Amino acid sequence: MNILKICAIATATAFCSLVYAEPTTAARDSLFSYSAEAQATISTGSHSPFWLSANKFGLSSQRPNYGFLRAGVFRHMDYKPRFSWSAAVDIAGGYDLSSPFVIQQLYGAVRWRSLQLTVGAREHTEGFLDERLSSGDMLLSPNARPIPQVRGEMPNYEPVPFTNNWMWIRGYASYGLFTDSNWQHSWVNMSLPGAKRSVHRLYHSKGLFVRFGREDKFPLTFEGALEMSAQFGGSVYSRSSKEPYDLTLIKMPNGLKYWGKVFIPMGGDQGGGNGLIGEETNVTGNHTGQWNMALKWNDTERDWSTRVYFQHFFEDHSMMFCDYLWRDMLLGFEVKFPSNPVATKFLYEYVSTRDQSAPIYWDKSPEIPHQVSGRDNYYNHYLDVGSSHWGMGLGNPMLVSPIYNTNHHLYFYHNRIKGHHIGIEGNPCQQINYRVKLTYWRSWGTYDVPTPEIARSFSALCEVDYHPARLSGWSGTLSLGLDAGELLGRSFGVQLSIRKTGWI
């Protein structure tokens, strides 16, 4: 019965997309476009293979069999005039998703010169990592559903005055609202000791990117960035193991002044009386961040490039300002090859989050006047539910998302990992392109909940896209996924997508 429902979704969307007329040559110059898609996934294990559900902006499911219909209309930004605007309505309905109806994207944006303001939910990444091949950004990957937000930014690199185009900058800052309060209420098992769920939590992010170099003068460029994000405000329900039937309501610091304390991380009012000592003496909210660095060599004459990049994730000032060695990292290497029918790009990444500034934490006291800022707990928080949205982790999906937890606890049980990841893509011919992702990683659990033995996992993806020349705007994707190992278990799955795009 499940398979029949999924096949019906694919058939219905393929039929619906026929209502769109083929775009004329003049229509292709339009700024308005449409898209329609049907996707069906069938798996043999207890869950869908890892790479058939991860890094899909949350429009997926960890369940073995799922599918959806998706349709959207987009007004694209025109960067030629000084002023322009864009907007999108992108919705989906599916089977065995976290919700049967999804507003995937709904936003409007205005741009004046190099500045842009976006309001709403939009699929967005910073573009520091390859979205198709990478394992995922440590701070904000394309793994979870978009968070509706008001975002001001300089989206493209702009030259810094008086540097003769050798220095370029871009940046962003945003405030948003998590939309999964009702889903948490229905999904989280609050009878579990230590369980937590949040209501109306707010989101904040900011980043500054700098690039040095001129490829027209010298092929080597450097890119660096500091990014930070935070959860704050709202309320959190938690259950104490000593009170099996009572829930504790924790009202987080709210009010406009705390928006400023989150933008520039500061503690709350000393002695404010809310009982949240950590929020008062440390910083308001659950803050995370990362340093980005990359070196790129671009040989335009031979049409190839290579890039080495590094990300360091942090959760407190000690790991932000090098008080401890940066043993935790995402270290990557990618090569873009000259045009050939075999492979156009190769990528390798090493991911390690096992150290977390060591296993011991001690706040200084009159008895022991020394502070040891260890025992970080990546993507988790002592008060909050951690860095997830609709159960999917906001950061790198190899730190397995809470949606996989059979106890329905919003907790990252596998945030101490080491892994290796390979990505390859190519275009054998004009109508066909492919990508392959191979990932092997090990988990030690967390410092608080270690695994009895090292848990291993291997995940693979083999995907082929077909764009028939005679059917303009049509495309199909066949994806094969495989999981093996103790961490996620065994699973094999097939995913089929049919898409129709065009201009209005």
Protein backbone atom coordinates (compact mmCIF):
# COMPACT_ATOMS: atom_id res chain seq x y z
CA MET A 1 0.00 0.00 0.00
CA ASN A 2 2.85 2.40 0.78
CA ILE A 3 4.46 1.78 -2.60
CA LEU A 4 1.15 2.39 -4.38
CA LYS A 5 0.75 5.75 -2.65
CA ILE A 6 4.26 6.82 -3.61
CA CYS A 7 3.80 5.73 -7.23
CA ALA A 8 0.51 7.65 -7.33
CA ILE A 9 2.33 10.80 -6.22
CA ALA A 10 4.88 10.45 -9.01
CA THR A 11 2.20 9.84 -11.64
CA ALA A 12 0.05 12.76 -10.49
CA THR A 13 2.87 15.28 -10.57
CA ALA A 14 4.07 14.13 -13.97
CA PHE A 15 0.55 14.75 -15.25
CA CYS A 16 0.19 18.13 -13.49
CA SER A 17 3.39 19.44 -15.01
CA LEU A 18 1.92 18.95 -18.48
CA VAL A 19 -0.40 21.91 -17.92
CA TYR A 20 2.55 24.27 -18.38
CA ALA A 21 3.18 25.31 -21.96
CA GLU A 22 6.64 24.99 -23.40
CA PRO A 23 8.49 28.30 -23.04
CA THR A 24 9.18 30.26 -26.18
CA THR A 25 12.53 31.87 -26.88
CA ALA A 26 11.14 35.22 -25.76
CA ALA A 27 9.79 33.70 -22.55
CA ARG A 28 13.26 32.52 -21.57
CA ASP A 29 14.24 36.15 -21.12
CA SER A 30 11.57 36.51 -18.44
CA LEU A 31 12.41 36.85 -14.75
CA PHE A 32 9.50 34.57 -13.80
CA SER A 33 9.85 30.81 -13.79
CA TYR A 34 7.96 27.77 -12.55
CA SER A 35 8.88 24.28 -11.41
CA ALA A 36 6.98 21.08 -10.66
CA GLU A 37 8.44 17.92 -9.24
CA ALA A 38 7.44 14.43 -8.15
CA GLN A 39 9.72 12.31 -6.03
CA ALA A 40 9.33 8.79 -4.66
CA THR A 41 11.71 6.84 -2.39
CA ILE A 42 11.51 3.11 -1.65
CA SER A 43 13.93 1.44 0.79
CA THR A 44 14.50 -2.01 2.27
CA GLY A 45 15.76 -1.08 5.75
CA SER A 46 14.16 0.51 8.77
CA HIS A 47 15.00 3.96 7.36
CA SER A 48 15.83 5.51 4.00
CA PRO A 49 19.54 5.53 3.12
CA PHE A 50 21.42 8.47 4.60
CA TRP A 51 22.18 10.33 1.37
CA LEU A 52 18.59 9.90 0.10
CA SER A 53 17.36 12.09 2.97
CA ALA A 54 20.27 14.29 4.16
CA ASN A 55 21.08 17.74 2.73
CA LYS A 56 17.73 18.18 0.98
CA PHE A 57 16.61 21.29 2.91
CA GLY A 58 14.40 19.11 5.09
CA LEU A 59 12.09 18.07 2.24
CA SER A 60 12.75 14.39 2.87
CA SER A 61 12.17 11.70 5.46
CA GLN A 62 14.26 9.22 7.40
CA ARG A 63 11.42 6.73 7.00
CA PRO A 64 12.00 3.95 4.46
CA ASN A 65 9.23 4.85 1.98
CA TYR A 66 8.13 8.40 1.27
CA GLY A 67 7.25 10.72 -1.57
CA PHE A 68 5.99 14.19 -2.39
CA LEU A 69 4.55 16.52 -5.00
CA ARG A 70 6.15 19.94 -5.24
CA ALA A 71 5.34 23.07 -7.24
CA GLY A 72 6.70 26.60 -7.18
CA VAL A 73 6.63 29.96 -8.94
CA PHE A 74 9.66 32.25 -8.74
CA ARG A 75 10.49 35.85 -9.60
CA HIS A 76 14.26 36.04 -9.93
CA MET A 77 16.45 38.97 -8.95
CA ASP A 78 17.66 41.16 -11.79
CA TYR A 79 21.16 42.43 -10.96
CA LYS A 80 21.43 44.88 -13.87
CA PRO A 81 19.41 47.85 -12.52
CA ARG A 82 20.17 49.54 -9.21
CA PHE A 83 16.84 48.45 -7.75
CA SER A 84 15.22 45.04 -8.17
CA TRP A 85 13.09 42.50 -6.34
CA SER A 86 12.43 38.78 -6.19
CA ALA A 87 9.83 36.48 -4.63
CA ALA A 88 8.85 32.83 -4.48
CA VAL A 89 6.01 30.52 -3.51
CA ASP A 90 7.22 26.92 -3.24
CA ILE A 91 4.93 24.33 -1.64
CA ALA A 92 4.83 20.54 -1.33
CA GLY A 93 2.51 17.80 -0.16
CA GLY A 94 3.70 14.32 0.60
CA TYR A 95 3.43 10.93 2.16
CA ASP A 96 5.34 9.97 5.33
CA LEU A 97 7.04 13.36 5.67
CA SER A 98 7.22 15.15 9.03
CA SER A 99 4.06 17.00 7.93
CA PRO A 100 1.69 16.25 5.03
CA PHE A 101 1.79 19.84 3.72
CA VAL A 102 4.98 21.88 3.56
CA ILE A 103 5.54 25.55 2.76
CA GLN A 104 9.10 25.01 1.66
CA GLN A 105 9.80 28.55 0.45
CA LEU A 106 7.75 31.72 0.79
CA TYR A 107 9.69 34.95 0.62
CA GLY A 108 10.09 38.38 -0.90
CA ALA A 109 13.36 40.25 -1.38
CA VAL A 110 14.34 43.76 -2.46
CA ARG A 111 17.78 44.90 -3.59
CA TRP A 112 19.29 48.36 -3.90
CA ARG A 113 22.77 48.46 -5.37
CA SER A 114 24.80 45.90 -3.39
CA LEU A 115 22.41 45.62 -0.40
CA GLN A 116 19.54 43.17 -0.13
CA LEU A 117 16.71 42.56 2.33
CA THR A 118 14.86 39.22 2.35
CA VAL A 119 11.75 38.43 4.39
CA GLY A 120 10.42 34.88 4.66
CA ALA A 121 11.59 31.28 4.35
CA ARG A 122 14.18 30.66 1.65
CA GLU A 123 16.52 27.77 0.85
CA HIS A 124 19.87 29.38 1.42
CA THR A 125 23.49 28.46 2.04
CA GLU A 126 26.58 30.65 2.11
CA GLY A 127 28.27 28.84 -0.77
CA PHE A 128 31.55 28.23 1.04
CA LEU A 129 31.22 24.47 0.44
CA ASP A 130 30.04 22.65 -2.67
CA GLU A 131 26.34 22.07 -2.02
CA ARG A 132 26.09 19.00 -4.29
CA LEU A 133 29.23 17.13 -3.24
CA SER A 134 30.17 18.25 0.27
CA SER A 135 29.15 16.36 3.41
CA GLY A 136 27.73 19.63 4.73
CA ASP A 137 28.62 22.91 6.40
CA MET A 138 29.35 22.64 10.13
CA LEU A 139 27.14 25.62 11.08
CA LEU A 140 24.35 25.77 8.48
CA SER A 141 24.11 23.05 5.86
CA PRO A 142 21.22 22.37 3.43
CA ASN A 143 19.97 19.66 5.81
CA ALA A 144 16.99 21.23 7.63
CA ARG A 145 13.94 23.16 6.50
CA PRO A 146 14.47 26.88 5.91
CA ILE A 147 13.88 29.10 8.95
CA PRO A 148 11.62 32.11 8.20
CA GLN A 149 13.65 35.23 8.92
CA VAL A 150 14.34 38.84 8.13
CA ARG A 151 17.79 38.91 6.57
CA GLY A 152 19.87 41.92 5.57
CA GLU A 153 22.95 41.18 3.52
CA MET A 154 25.51 42.06 0.96
CA PRO A 155 25.02 38.83 -1.05
CA ASN A 156 27.90 39.24 -3.49
CA TYR A 157 31.51 40.16 -2.91
CA GLU A 158 32.10 43.90 -3.29
CA PRO A 159 35.55 45.54 -3.59
CA VAL A 160 36.89 47.43 -0.59
CA PRO A 161 37.77 51.03 -1.53
CA PHE A 162 41.43 51.96 -2.00
CA THR A 163 42.57 48.30 -2.32
CA ASN A 164 42.68 48.27 -6.13
CA ASN A 165 40.27 45.29 -6.13
CA TRP A 166 42.65 43.10 -4.10
CA MET A 167 40.27 42.93 -1.11
CA TRP A 168 36.57 42.05 -1.26
CA ILE A 169 33.90 41.64 1.42
CA ARG A 170 30.34 40.39 1.87
CA GLY A 171 28.20 39.72 4.91
CA TYR A 172 24.79 39.12 6.40
CA ALA A 173 22.72 39.37 9.60
CA SER A 174 19.28 37.92 10.30
CA TYR A 175 16.58 37.29 12.89
CA GLY A 176 14.05 34.51 12.47
CA LEU A 177 11.53 32.17 14.11
CA PHE A 178 11.60 28.37 14.38
CA THR A 179 8.33 26.91 13.06
CA ASP A 180 8.40 23.41 14.55
CA SER A 181 6.75 24.05 17.95
CA ASN A 182 3.61 22.05 17.10
CA TRP A 183 5.65 19.27 15.53
CA GLN A 184 7.78 19.02 18.67
CA HIS A 185 4.62 18.84 20.80
CA SER A 186 3.41 15.80 18.84
CA TRP A 187 6.76 14.08 18.24
CA VAL A 188 8.83 14.49 21.41
CA ASN A 189 8.26 11.81 24.05
CA MET A 190 7.98 13.99 27.16
CA SER A 191 7.62 10.94 29.41
CA LEU A 192 11.33 10.30 28.90
CA PRO A 193 13.53 11.61 31.73
CA GLY A 194 15.51 14.59 30.49
CA ALA A 195 13.23 15.17 27.49
CA LYS A 196 12.83 18.77 26.25
CA ARG A 197 10.79 20.64 23.69
CA SER A 198 10.72 24.31 22.80
CA VAL A 199 8.00 26.82 21.91
CA HIS A 200 8.39 29.97 19.76
CA ARG A 201 12.16 29.97 19.88
CA LEU A 202 13.90 32.73 17.91
CA TYR A 203 16.89 32.47 15.59
CA HIS A 204 19.77 34.81 14.86
CA SER A 205 22.71 34.51 12.48
CA LYS A 206 25.47 36.74 11.16
CA GLY A 207 28.64 36.44 9.15
CA LEU A 208 31.43 38.42 7.54
CA PHE A 209 33.41 37.07 4.56
CA VAL A 210 36.69 38.50 3.26
CA ARG A 211 38.51 37.59 0.07
CA PHE A 212 42.04 38.60 -0.93
CA GLY A 213 43.39 38.32 -4.44
CA ARG A 214 42.83 39.15 -8.08
CA GLU A 215 42.64 36.18 -10.41
CA ASP A 216 43.30 38.45 -13.40
CA LYS A 217 46.71 39.26 -11.84
CA PHE A 218 47.60 36.10 -9.94
CA PRO A 219 45.73 32.73 -9.79
CA LEU A 220 45.92 32.30 -5.98
CA THR A 221 43.14 33.75 -3.75
CA PHE A 222 42.37 33.49 -0.04
CA GLU A 223 38.90 33.50 1.53
CA GLY A 224 38.14 33.77 5.24
CA ALA A 225 35.00 34.22 7.30
CA LEU A 226 33.57 34.29 10.80
CA GLU A 227 29.97 33.11 11.15
CA MET A 228 27.78 32.81 14.23
CA SER A 229 24.22 31.74 15.00
CA ALA A 230 22.04 31.58 18.10
CA GLN A 231 18.73 30.35 19.48
CA PHE A 232 17.07 32.59 22.06
CA GLY A 233 13.75 33.71 23.51
CA GLY A 234 10.62 31.59 23.67
CA SER A 235 10.13 28.85 26.24
CA VAL A 236 11.36 25.32 26.87
CA TYR A 237 9.46 22.48 28.53
CA SER A 238 11.63 19.90 30.27
CA ARG A 239 10.99 16.83 32.36
CA SER A 240 13.03 15.98 35.45
CA SER A 241 13.80 12.34 36.20
CA LYS A 242 12.72 12.99 39.81
CA GLU A 243 9.28 14.21 38.75
CA PRO A 244 7.87 11.63 36.34
CA TYR A 245 4.57 13.43 35.70
CA ASP A 246 5.51 17.10 36.04
CA LEU A 247 6.91 19.32 33.32
CA THR A 248 9.07 22.32 34.10
CA LEU A 249 8.43 25.45 32.02
CA ILE A 250 11.56 27.52 31.47
CA LYS A 251 10.82 30.99 30.13
CA MET A 252 13.92 32.22 28.34
CA PRO A 253 14.92 35.90 28.53
CA ASN A 254 12.72 37.82 26.09
CA GLY A 255 12.40 41.42 25.02
CA LEU A 256 14.00 43.72 22.49
CA LYS A 257 17.12 44.35 24.60
CA TYR A 258 17.98 40.65 24.37
CA TRP A 259 18.05 40.89 20.60
CA GLY A 260 21.03 43.19 21.05
CA LYS A 261 22.59 40.87 23.64
CA VAL A 262 22.37 38.07 21.08
CA PHE A 263 23.81 40.17 18.25
CA ILE A 264 26.80 41.03 20.46
CA PRO A 265 26.92 37.92 22.71
CA MET A 266 26.45 39.09 26.29
CA GLY A 267 24.88 37.77 29.46
CA GLY A 268 21.53 38.83 30.83
CA ASP A 269 20.84 41.06 33.81
CA GLN A 270 22.97 40.06 36.73
CA GLY A 271 20.75 38.80 39.50
CA GLY A 272 17.67 39.15 37.32
CA GLY A 273 15.88 36.53 39.36
CA ASN A 274 14.85 34.23 36.52
CA GLY A 275 17.01 31.43 37.88
CA LEU A 276 18.89 30.96 34.61
CA ILE A 277 22.38 31.51 35.96
CA GLY A 278 24.07 30.50 32.72
CA GLU A 279 22.00 32.99 30.74
CA GLU A 280 22.89 35.76 33.22
CA THR A 281 26.59 35.19 33.79
CA ASN A 282 27.62 33.69 30.43
CA VAL A 283 25.69 34.72 27.28
CA THR A 284 22.01 34.94 26.42
CA GLY A 285 20.91 32.09 24.17
CA ASN A 286 22.48 29.03 22.61
CA HIS A 287 25.41 30.36 20.54
CA THR A 288 27.44 28.48 17.96
CA GLY A 289 29.85 29.60 15.27
CA GLN A 290 32.67 28.71 12.93
CA TRP A 291 35.81 30.04 11.28
CA ASN A 292 36.13 29.46 7.52
CA MET A 293 39.39 29.58 5.55
CA ALA A 294 40.17 28.59 1.98
CA LEU A 295 42.98 28.86 -0.58
CA LYS A 296 42.10 28.54 -4.26
CA TRP A 297 44.36 28.21 -7.30
CA ASN A 298 42.47 28.94 -10.53
CA ASP A 299 44.31 28.24 -13.78
CA THR A 300 42.05 29.85 -16.38
CA GLU A 301 44.37 29.05 -19.30
CA ARG A 302 44.24 25.30 -18.68
CA ASP A 303 40.64 25.43 -17.38
CA TRP A 304 41.18 23.76 -14.02
CA SER A 305 41.23 24.82 -10.37
CA THR A 306 42.04 23.39 -6.97
CA ARG A 307 40.89 24.51 -3.53
CA VAL A 308 41.80 23.66 0.05
CA TYR A 309 39.34 24.72 2.74
CA PHE A 310 38.97 24.49 6.50
CA GLN A 311 36.10 24.96 8.95
CA HIS A 312 36.44 25.15 12.72
CA PHE A 313 33.20 24.88 14.71
CA PHE A 314 32.96 26.38 18.21
CA GLU A 315 30.40 26.70 21.00
CA ASP A 316 32.18 28.99 23.45
CA HIS A 317 34.89 31.65 23.68
CA SER A 318 37.64 29.17 24.52
CA MET A 319 37.30 27.32 21.20
CA MET A 320 36.60 30.56 19.34
CA PHE A 321 39.83 32.27 20.38
CA CYS A 322 42.30 29.35 20.29
CA ASP A 323 42.51 28.66 24.04
CA TYR A 324 42.70 25.01 22.96
CA LEU A 325 44.17 23.35 19.90
CA TRP A 326 41.80 23.17 16.97
CA ARG A 327 41.69 19.39 16.75
CA ASP A 328 38.06 19.50 15.62
CA MET A 329 37.63 20.52 12.00
CA LEU A 330 36.22 19.99 8.57
CA LEU A 331 39.23 19.88 6.23
CA GLY A 332 38.53 19.62 2.52
CA PHE A 333 40.27 19.43 -0.83
CA GLU A 334 38.60 19.76 -4.23
CA VAL A 335 39.75 19.75 -7.84
CA LYS A 336 37.82 21.01 -10.86
CA PHE A 337 39.09 19.28 -13.99
CA PRO A 338 39.21 20.59 -17.56
CA SER A 339 36.24 19.58 -19.72
CA ASN A 340 36.18 15.80 -20.18
CA PRO A 341 33.53 13.01 -20.34
CA VAL A 342 34.72 11.19 -17.19
CA ALA A 343 34.75 13.58 -14.19
CA THR A 344 34.43 17.34 -13.83
CA LYS A 345 35.06 17.60 -10.07
CA PHE A 346 36.55 15.57 -7.21
CA LEU A 347 36.20 16.37 -3.51
CA TYR A 348 37.57 14.86 -0.30
CA GLU A 349 36.70 15.91 3.26
CA TYR A 350 37.96 14.89 6.66
CA VAL A 351 35.58 15.63 9.54
CA SER A 352 36.52 15.39 13.23
CA THR A 353 34.45 16.55 16.22
CA ARG A 354 35.77 14.10 18.80
CA ASP A 355 37.80 16.49 20.98
CA GLN A 356 35.31 19.30 21.82
CA SER A 357 38.02 21.04 23.90
CA ALA A 358 38.51 17.90 26.06
CA PRO A 359 36.16 16.01 28.40
CA ILE A 360 36.46 18.09 31.59
CA TYR A 361 34.64 21.32 32.40
CA TRP A 362 35.02 23.37 35.56
CA ASP A 363 33.82 26.90 36.27
CA LYS A 364 36.14 28.71 38.64
CA SER A 365 34.97 29.06 42.26
CA PRO A 366 36.41 30.37 45.55
CA GLU A 367 37.59 26.84 46.30
CA ILE A 368 39.17 26.24 42.87
CA PRO A 369 40.00 29.62 41.22
CA HIS A 370 40.84 28.08 37.84
CA GLN A 371 38.48 27.58 34.92
CA VAL A 372 38.71 24.64 32.53
CA SER A 373 36.48 25.36 29.52
CA GLY A 374 36.13 21.83 28.21
CA ARG A 375 33.38 19.29 27.71
CA ASP A 376 31.59 21.06 24.88
CA ASN A 377 28.50 19.28 23.58
CA TYR A 378 28.19 20.13 19.88
CA TYR A 379 24.65 20.90 18.64
CA ASN A 380 23.22 20.21 22.13
CA HIS A 381 22.48 22.67 24.95
CA TYR A 382 21.96 22.34 28.69
CA LEU A 383 18.62 24.21 28.52
CA ASP A 384 17.55 24.20 24.88
CA VAL A 385 16.72 21.42 22.41
CA GLY A 386 19.85 22.09 20.35
CA SER A 387 20.61 22.98 16.75
CA SER A 388 17.77 21.31 14.86
CA HIS A 389 14.63 22.29 12.96
CA TRP A 390 11.82 19.80 12.39
CA GLY A 391 14.16 17.13 13.77
CA MET A 392 16.90 17.68 11.20
CA GLY A 393 20.26 19.08 12.30
CA LEU A 394 21.13 22.56 11.10
CA GLY A 395 24.80 21.64 10.66
CA ASN A 396 26.71 18.71 9.19
CA PRO A 397 24.34 15.70 8.94
CA MET A 398 27.09 13.22 9.90
CA LEU A 399 26.36 14.30 13.49
CA VAL A 400 23.19 12.25 13.22
CA SER A 401 19.98 14.29 13.45
CA PRO A 402 17.50 13.78 16.32
CA ILE A 403 14.82 12.63 13.84
CA TYR A 404 16.60 9.24 13.82
CA ASN A 405 16.15 8.76 17.59
CA THR A 406 13.72 5.92 18.27
CA ASN A 407 13.09 7.31 21.77
CA HIS A 408 11.79 10.59 20.24
CA HIS A 409 14.28 12.69 22.19
CA LEU A 410 15.56 15.91 20.57
CA TYR A 411 19.20 15.15 21.36
CA PHE A 412 22.28 14.63 19.20
CA TYR A 413 23.54 11.27 20.47
CA HIS A 414 26.44 11.09 17.98
CA ASN A 415 28.30 14.41 18.04
CA ARG A 416 31.80 12.96 18.66
CA ILE A 417 32.76 11.58 15.27
CA LYS A 418 35.60 11.12 12.81
CA GLY A 419 34.83 10.62 9.16
CA HIS A 420 36.04 10.60 5.58
CA HIS A 421 33.91 11.76 2.66
CA ILE A 422 34.42 11.63 -1.12
CA GLY A 423 32.34 13.35 -3.78
CA ILE A 424 32.66 13.02 -7.57
CA GLU A 425 30.56 14.46 -10.38
CA GLY A 426 30.74 14.45 -14.15
CA ASN A 427 28.98 15.01 -17.49
CA PRO A 428 29.50 12.05 -19.82
CA CYS A 429 27.35 13.83 -22.43
CA GLN A 430 25.24 16.94 -22.76
CA GLN A 431 22.05 15.20 -21.62
CA ILE A 432 23.47 13.21 -18.68
CA ASN A 433 25.33 14.15 -15.53
CA TYR A 434 26.06 12.11 -12.43
CA ARG A 435 27.38 12.39 -8.90
CA VAL A 436 28.77 9.88 -6.40
CA LYS A 437 29.12 10.35 -2.63
CA LEU A 438 30.97 7.89 -0.39
CA THR A 439 31.12 8.47 3.36
CA TYR A 440 32.66 6.45 6.18
CA TRP A 441 32.56 7.67 9.75
CA ARG A 442 32.85 6.47 13.33
CA SER A 443 30.98 7.70 16.41
CA TRP A 444 31.94 7.73 20.07
CA GLY A 445 28.51 9.09 21.07
CA THR A 446 28.73 12.13 23.38
CA TYR A 447 30.74 12.78 26.52
CA ASP A 448 27.56 12.42 28.58
CA VAL A 449 26.17 9.42 26.66
CA PRO A 450 29.11 7.52 25.13
CA THR A 451 28.54 4.51 22.91
CA PRO A 452 29.42 1.14 24.52
CA GLU A 453 31.59 0.44 21.48
CA ILE A 454 32.70 2.56 18.54
CA ALA A 455 29.75 2.75 16.12
CA ARG A 456 30.67 2.72 12.43
CA SER A 457 28.71 3.68 9.36
CA PHE A 458 29.21 3.66 5.60
CA SER A 459 26.84 5.51 3.29
CA ALA A 460 26.93 5.71 -0.49
CA LEU A 461 25.01 7.57 -3.18
CA CYS A 462 25.03 7.03 -6.93
CA GLU A 463 22.85 9.49 -8.84
CA VAL A 464 22.19 10.09 -12.54
CA ASP A 465 20.34 13.09 -14.01
CA TYR A 466 18.84 12.88 -17.50
CA HIS A 467 17.80 15.99 -19.45
CA PRO A 468 16.23 14.86 -22.76
CA ALA A 469 17.02 17.26 -25.57
CA ARG A 470 13.63 16.81 -27.24
CA LEU A 471 11.65 17.58 -24.07
CA SER A 472 12.65 21.09 -23.09
CA GLY A 473 12.44 21.71 -19.36
CA TRP A 474 11.94 18.06 -18.45
CA SER A 475 14.45 16.09 -16.38
CA GLY A 476 14.58 12.91 -14.37
CA THR A 477 16.87 11.74 -11.58
CA LEU A 478 17.55 8.18 -10.49
CA SER A 479 19.35 7.83 -7.15
CA LEU A 480 20.60 4.67 -5.45
CA GLY A 481 21.49 4.83 -1.76
CA LEU A 482 23.19 2.37 0.56
CA ASP A 483 23.86 2.30 4.32
CA ALA A 484 25.90 -0.25 6.26
CA GLY A 485 27.27 -0.41 9.80
CA GLU A 486 26.11 -0.27 13.41
CA LEU A 487 25.41 3.46 13.56
CA LEU A 488 22.47 3.67 11.15
CA GLY A 489 21.96 0.03 10.28
CA ARG A 490 21.64 -1.55 6.86
CA SER A 491 19.46 -0.03 4.18
CA PHE A 492 19.23 0.05 0.40
CA GLY A 493 16.95 2.43 -1.42
CA VAL A 494 15.90 3.79 -4.80
CA GLN A 495 14.75 7.38 -5.34
CA LEU A 496 13.11 8.61 -8.54
CA SER A 497 12.43 12.27 -9.31
CA ILE A 498 10.64 13.81 -12.30
CA ARG A 499 10.82 17.57 -12.83
CA LYS A 500 9.42 20.14 -15.22
CA THR A 501 10.76 23.69 -15.26
CA GLY A 502 10.20 26.63 -17.52
CA TRP A 503 9.73 30.38 -17.91
CA ILE A 504 6.50 32.27 -17.63
